[in-house]
Amino acid sequence: MSKEVDFIKDRAVKTISVARQLGGKWVWAEADPDAMQLQLETIIGNSTATPPLVGQEEIASQAEGTQDHANGLWEQQLNEQHRRTVQALGMARTKYRNDPVSLAVLRGLTANSHSHTATLAEALAWESAWARLDTTWSPTTINTFAAFKVLRKQCAEDLQTDASDTHAAWRTEVVKLNAMANDLEELLEAWYADAQRMFGEGTPEGTLIRAAIPTTYTPPTPPVPPDPAPSASPTKTP
């Protein structure tokens, strides 16, 4: 989107206010202030309407919350998956340290992932090795072969799918929000152009229009990090 939604909302509120003040002298043929207000409310909502109108901002926010929850659950279970892989593989190497045949099965396995894909790949590789070694053995009463397999499939299938689906749903709602904001912005710009033609500079109405309605978006200035503190000079020993 070319401009931030907050700027467009602010411009809409001020445009509607000015349009209402000009109502006795001029009403734009394309959209009166009530029509502009309704278009704004499709974005911001209106809790006083009957029934209450849920704005696209809230819909997108709710979708983002659903995505965050799904992604957080996936991350949590992936971390647990990684922890169990580290634990089981490490203890298996100890258990089979004097068994060359079993150690050969473990050779090449790793448990040092730093990504989702690697975590799942390492878990699958260890699960396969575990199945060839002894599925009745477990490093703890919780970290059993059966429980490990269930967790891995959950992470690789259900939870990953939920995270992906909810992210896609959130992106869809954001695209809708951006499109609605762009449509509103185009309407406001068209009204402003005609309003300037109706009321020239120097007239009370023209002065009001030009002074009250913001037309230029200025992105927020990112914070400037402080300069690093100078390093302390080493103390010289006489």
Protein backbone atom coordinates (compact mmCIF):
# COMPACT_ATOMS: atom_id res chain seq x y z
CA MET A 1 0.00 0.00 0.00
CA SER A 2 1.27 3.46 -0.86
CA LYS A 3 0.36 5.07 2.45
CA GLU A 4 -0.19 3.88 5.99
CA VAL A 5 -3.77 3.01 6.94
CA ASP A 6 -3.60 5.29 10.00
CA PHE A 7 -2.82 8.31 7.80
CA ILE A 8 -5.71 7.52 5.49
CA LYS A 9 -8.09 7.13 8.45
CA ASP A 10 -6.97 10.46 9.89
CA ARG A 11 -7.42 12.16 6.53
CA ALA A 12 -10.87 10.62 6.21
CA VAL A 13 -12.00 11.86 9.62
CA LYS A 14 -10.83 15.41 8.84
CA THR A 15 -12.25 15.37 5.32
CA ILE A 16 -15.65 14.24 6.60
CA SER A 17 -15.61 16.97 9.25
CA VAL A 18 -14.82 19.67 6.67
CA ALA A 19 -17.37 18.26 4.22
CA ARG A 20 -20.06 18.52 6.89
CA GLN A 21 -19.08 22.13 7.60
CA LEU A 22 -19.40 22.91 3.88
CA GLY A 23 -22.72 21.10 3.61
CA GLY A 24 -24.76 24.28 3.46
CA LYS A 25 -22.77 25.56 0.46
CA TRP A 26 -21.61 22.47 -1.40
CA VAL A 27 -22.16 18.72 -1.32
CA TRP A 28 -19.98 16.59 -3.55
CA ALA A 29 -22.15 14.73 -6.06
CA GLU A 30 -20.13 11.51 -5.87
CA ALA A 31 -20.33 10.95 -2.11
CA ASP A 32 -21.83 12.99 0.70
CA PRO A 33 -20.26 12.99 4.19
CA ASP A 34 -22.48 10.11 5.36
CA ALA A 35 -21.34 7.95 2.44
CA MET A 36 -17.70 8.74 3.20
CA GLN A 37 -18.29 7.92 6.88
CA LEU A 38 -19.79 4.56 5.97
CA GLN A 39 -16.80 3.73 3.78
CA LEU A 40 -14.49 4.67 6.65
CA GLU A 41 -16.46 2.46 9.03
CA THR A 42 -15.96 -0.58 6.81
CA ILE A 43 -12.34 -0.20 7.89
CA ILE A 44 -12.60 0.97 11.51
CA GLY A 45 -15.98 -0.53 12.42
CA ASN A 46 -18.88 0.98 14.33
CA SER A 47 -19.87 -0.55 17.65
CA THR A 48 -22.90 1.74 17.96
CA ALA A 49 -24.52 0.54 14.74
CA THR A 50 -27.37 -1.98 14.81
CA PRO A 51 -26.11 -4.58 14.36
CA PRO A 52 -22.55 -3.51 15.27
CA LEU A 53 -20.28 -3.23 12.26
CA VAL A 54 -16.97 -5.07 12.59
CA GLY A 55 -14.33 -3.22 10.61
CA GLN A 56 -11.74 -4.84 8.39
CA GLU A 57 -9.00 -3.70 10.78
CA GLU A 58 -10.49 -5.84 13.55
CA ILE A 59 -11.03 -8.77 11.18
CA ALA A 60 -7.36 -8.60 10.12
CA SER A 61 -6.28 -8.25 13.75
CA GLN A 62 -8.26 -11.32 14.77
CA ALA A 63 -6.76 -13.28 11.88
CA GLU A 64 -3.30 -12.20 13.00
CA GLY A 65 -4.04 -13.36 16.53
CA THR A 66 -5.16 -16.75 15.25
CA GLN A 67 -2.00 -17.00 13.17
CA ASP A 68 0.20 -16.02 16.12
CA HIS A 69 -1.43 -18.67 18.30
CA ALA A 70 -1.00 -21.40 15.69
CA ASN A 71 2.57 -20.41 14.97
CA GLY A 72 3.38 -20.19 18.67
CA LEU A 73 2.02 -23.68 19.30
CA TRP A 74 4.02 -25.04 16.38
CA GLU A 75 7.19 -23.35 17.62
CA GLN A 76 6.59 -24.69 21.13
CA GLN A 77 6.16 -28.26 19.93
CA LEU A 78 9.12 -27.99 17.56
CA ASN A 79 11.27 -26.92 20.48
CA GLU A 80 10.05 -29.91 22.44
CA GLN A 81 10.72 -32.12 19.43
CA HIS A 82 14.29 -30.81 19.24
CA ARG A 83 14.80 -31.28 22.97
CA ARG A 84 13.63 -34.89 22.80
CA THR A 85 15.83 -35.59 19.78
CA VAL A 86 18.89 -34.21 21.56
CA GLN A 87 18.07 -36.18 24.68
CA ALA A 88 17.30 -39.50 23.01
CA LEU A 89 20.16 -39.44 20.49
CA GLY A 90 22.69 -38.47 23.13
CA MET A 91 21.56 -41.16 25.55
CA ALA A 92 21.45 -43.74 22.77
CA ARG A 93 25.08 -43.04 21.97
CA THR A 94 25.90 -43.66 25.62
CA LYS A 95 23.81 -46.81 25.79
CA TYR A 96 25.34 -48.33 22.65
CA ARG A 97 28.87 -47.03 23.12
CA ASN A 98 30.25 -50.60 23.24
CA ASP A 99 28.05 -51.95 20.43
CA PRO A 100 29.72 -51.30 17.04
CA VAL A 101 26.67 -52.46 15.07
CA SER A 102 24.32 -50.09 16.89
CA LEU A 103 26.83 -47.26 16.76
CA ALA A 104 26.96 -47.68 13.00
CA VAL A 105 23.20 -47.01 12.90
CA LEU A 106 23.74 -43.79 14.85
CA ARG A 107 26.67 -42.62 12.77
CA GLY A 108 25.98 -39.39 10.92
CA LEU A 109 22.90 -38.43 12.94
CA THR A 110 22.80 -34.90 14.31
CA ALA A 111 20.68 -32.92 16.75
CA ASN A 112 21.95 -29.37 16.33
CA SER A 113 19.29 -27.83 14.09
CA HIS A 114 18.70 -24.09 13.78
CA SER A 115 15.65 -24.16 11.52
CA HIS A 116 12.21 -25.76 11.34
CA THR A 117 13.16 -27.89 8.36
CA ALA A 118 16.34 -29.15 10.00
CA THR A 119 14.53 -29.94 13.27
CA LEU A 120 11.99 -32.08 11.45
CA ALA A 121 14.65 -33.75 9.32
CA GLU A 122 16.78 -34.63 12.34
CA ALA A 123 13.75 -35.96 14.20
CA LEU A 124 12.77 -38.18 11.27
CA ALA A 125 16.33 -39.49 10.89
CA TRP A 126 16.55 -40.31 14.59
CA GLU A 127 13.08 -41.93 14.56
CA SER A 128 14.18 -44.17 11.70
CA ALA A 129 17.36 -45.13 13.55
CA TRP A 130 15.43 -45.73 16.77
CA ALA A 131 13.10 -48.11 14.92
CA ARG A 132 16.12 -50.15 13.77
CA LEU A 133 17.70 -50.22 17.21
CA ASP A 134 15.03 -51.03 19.78
CA THR A 135 11.62 -49.36 19.97
CA THR A 136 11.07 -50.75 23.48
CA TRP A 137 13.97 -48.70 24.83
CA SER A 138 13.33 -45.12 25.89
CA PRO A 139 15.61 -42.53 27.49
CA THR A 140 12.80 -41.47 29.87
CA THR A 141 9.28 -42.57 30.68
CA ILE A 142 7.98 -39.61 28.66
CA ASN A 143 10.32 -39.74 25.70
CA THR A 144 9.22 -43.10 24.31
CA PHE A 145 9.38 -44.21 20.70
CA ALA A 146 5.60 -44.06 20.33
CA ALA A 147 5.34 -40.60 21.91
CA PHE A 148 8.25 -39.31 19.83
CA LYS A 149 6.63 -40.54 16.62
CA VAL A 150 3.29 -38.92 17.48
CA LEU A 151 4.97 -35.61 18.28
CA ARG A 152 7.03 -35.65 15.09
CA LYS A 153 4.01 -36.31 12.91
CA GLN A 154 2.05 -33.63 14.74
CA CYS A 155 4.82 -31.09 14.12
CA ALA A 156 5.35 -32.11 10.50
CA GLU A 157 1.70 -32.33 9.56
CA ASP A 158 -1.11 -30.86 11.67
CA LEU A 159 0.70 -28.01 13.42
CA GLN A 160 2.71 -26.98 10.37
CA THR A 161 -0.45 -26.99 8.24
CA ASP A 162 -2.32 -24.90 10.81
CA ALA A 163 0.53 -22.38 10.94
CA SER A 164 0.62 -22.15 7.15
CA ASP A 165 -3.16 -21.93 6.73
CA THR A 166 -3.66 -19.28 9.40
CA HIS A 167 -0.80 -17.22 7.96
CA ALA A 168 -2.42 -17.36 4.53
CA ALA A 169 -5.78 -16.37 6.04
CA TRP A 170 -4.20 -13.40 7.80
CA ARG A 171 -2.46 -12.26 4.61
CA THR A 172 -5.81 -12.44 2.78
CA GLU A 173 -7.43 -10.14 5.34
CA VAL A 174 -4.48 -7.72 5.20
CA VAL A 175 -4.79 -7.55 1.41
CA LYS A 176 -8.49 -6.75 1.81
CA LEU A 177 -7.69 -4.04 4.36
CA ASN A 178 -5.09 -2.47 2.11
CA ALA A 179 -7.46 -2.51 -0.87
CA MET A 180 -10.24 -0.87 1.17
CA ALA A 181 -7.82 1.78 2.45
CA ASN A 182 -6.61 2.47 -1.08
CA ASP A 183 -10.19 2.84 -2.31
CA LEU A 184 -10.95 5.28 0.50
CA GLU A 185 -7.78 7.23 -0.21
CA GLU A 186 -8.71 7.56 -3.89
CA LEU A 187 -12.14 8.86 -2.91
CA LEU A 188 -10.65 11.41 -0.48
CA GLU A 189 -8.19 12.65 -3.07
CA ALA A 190 -10.96 13.09 -5.62
CA TRP A 191 -13.10 15.02 -3.13
CA TYR A 192 -10.16 17.25 -2.20
CA ALA A 193 -9.42 18.03 -5.84
CA ASP A 194 -13.01 19.10 -6.52
CA ALA A 195 -13.25 20.99 -3.23
CA GLN A 196 -10.22 23.09 -4.19
CA ARG A 197 -11.85 23.87 -7.52
CA MET A 198 -15.06 24.91 -5.79
CA PHE A 199 -13.36 27.15 -3.22
CA GLY A 200 -10.26 29.04 -4.28
CA GLU A 201 -7.33 30.04 -2.15
CA GLY A 202 -8.01 32.99 0.10
CA THR A 203 -11.70 32.22 0.58
CA PRO A 204 -12.75 31.12 4.08
CA GLU A 205 -13.87 27.76 2.75
CA GLY A 206 -10.72 27.30 0.68
CA THR A 207 -8.54 28.18 3.64
CA LEU A 208 -10.41 25.68 5.82
CA ILE A 209 -10.01 22.90 3.26
CA ARG A 210 -6.31 23.49 2.72
CA ALA A 211 -5.47 23.96 6.41
CA ALA A 212 -7.54 21.21 8.00
CA ILE A 213 -6.98 18.25 5.69
CA PRO A 214 -3.58 16.53 5.58
CA THR A 215 -2.47 15.54 2.08
CA THR A 216 1.13 14.42 2.49
CA TYR A 217 2.11 11.26 4.30
CA THR A 218 5.40 11.40 6.16
CA PRO A 219 6.71 8.01 7.25
CA PRO A 220 7.76 7.87 10.89
CA THR A 221 11.45 8.44 11.42
CA PRO A 222 13.10 5.28 12.70
CA PRO A 223 14.85 5.72 16.03
CA VAL A 224 18.55 6.48 15.77
CA PRO A 225 20.60 4.10 17.90
CA PRO A 226 22.87 5.86 20.37
CA ASP A 227 26.55 6.12 19.60
CA PRO A 228 28.54 3.34 21.24
CA ALA A 229 30.21 4.34 24.46
CA PRO A 230 33.93 5.01 24.00
CA SER A 231 36.09 2.19 25.16
CA ALA A 232 37.94 2.83 28.36
CA SER A 233 41.58 3.69 27.88
CA PRO A 234 43.88 1.09 29.43
CA THR A 235 45.52 2.21 32.59
CA LYS A 236 49.24 2.59 32.17
CA THR A 237 51.42 1.16 34.85
CA PRO A 238 54.30 3.49 35.65
